[in-house]
Protein backbone atom coordinates (compact mmCIF):
# COMPACT_ATOMS: atom_id res chain seq x y z
CA UNK A 1 0.00 0.00 0.00
CA UNK A 2 2.83 2.39 0.81
CA UNK A 3 4.37 1.87 -2.62
CA UNK A 4 1.08 2.75 -4.31
CA UNK A 5 0.78 5.90 -2.23
CA UNK A 6 4.32 6.93 -3.14
CA UNK A 7 3.72 6.26 -6.83
CA UNK A 8 0.44 8.17 -6.78
CA UNK A 9 2.16 11.11 -5.12
CA UNK A 10 4.87 11.15 -7.78
CA UNK A 11 2.31 10.92 -10.58
CA UNK A 12 0.36 13.79 -9.04
CA UNK A 13 3.53 15.88 -8.77
CA UNK A 14 4.49 15.19 -12.38
CA UNK A 15 0.98 15.96 -13.62
CA UNK A 16 0.96 19.23 -11.67
CA UNK A 17 4.33 20.30 -13.07
CA UNK A 18 3.27 19.39 -16.62
CA UNK A 19 0.03 21.32 -16.29
CA UNK A 20 1.87 24.38 -14.95
CA UNK A 21 4.35 24.19 -17.84
CA UNK A 22 1.51 23.78 -20.36
CA UNK A 23 -0.37 26.78 -18.98
CA UNK A 24 2.86 28.80 -19.04
CA UNK A 25 3.50 27.93 -22.70
CA UNK A 26 -0.10 28.63 -23.71
CA UNK A 27 -0.02 32.05 -22.06
CA UNK A 28 3.07 33.19 -23.92
CA UNK A 29 2.63 36.45 -25.70
CA UNK A 30 2.43 35.74 -29.43
CA UNK A 31 4.27 38.95 -30.29
CA UNK A 32 7.49 37.69 -28.68
CA UNK A 33 9.83 35.12 -30.10
CA UNK A 34 9.55 31.66 -28.55
CA UNK A 35 13.35 31.61 -28.24
CA UNK A 36 13.06 34.29 -25.58
CA UNK A 37 11.03 31.91 -23.42
CA UNK A 38 12.86 28.68 -24.21
CA UNK A 39 15.55 28.98 -21.48
CA UNK A 40 13.05 29.48 -18.60
CA UNK A 41 10.93 26.61 -19.88
CA UNK A 42 13.96 24.34 -20.13
CA UNK A 43 15.02 25.35 -16.63
CA UNK A 44 11.53 24.57 -15.28
CA UNK A 45 11.62 21.15 -16.95
CA UNK A 46 15.08 20.38 -15.56
CA UNK A 47 14.07 21.54 -12.09
CA UNK A 48 10.95 19.36 -12.22
CA UNK A 49 13.04 16.36 -13.23
CA UNK A 50 15.51 16.87 -10.39
CA UNK A 51 12.73 17.38 -7.84
CA UNK A 52 11.05 14.14 -8.90
CA UNK A 53 14.40 12.31 -8.89
CA UNK A 54 15.23 13.62 -5.41
CA UNK A 55 11.82 12.57 -4.08
CA UNK A 56 12.22 9.15 -5.64
CA UNK A 57 15.69 8.69 -4.12
CA UNK A 58 14.48 9.89 -0.73
CA UNK A 59 11.59 7.43 -0.93
CA UNK A 60 13.93 4.60 -1.83
CA UNK A 61 16.22 5.37 1.12
CA UNK A 62 13.32 5.63 3.56
CA UNK A 63 11.68 2.41 2.47
CA UNK A 64 14.84 0.34 2.23
CA UNK A 65 15.63 -0.74 -1.31
CA UNK A 66 12.13 -1.37 -2.67
């Protein structure tokens, strides 16, 4: 049961980050070049990846070596 809770939490976190990134991209001002916004979007994606990886590693250490 604990594993399912952990997996559901990670899925919820990923879905939240993806929805925030999608809303951010959709709200971009069309008069600006997309290249202006590409670095912040890439940084958000990298940060999301590292947050999920850190949570996964912390979960693995807390639960033994599931």
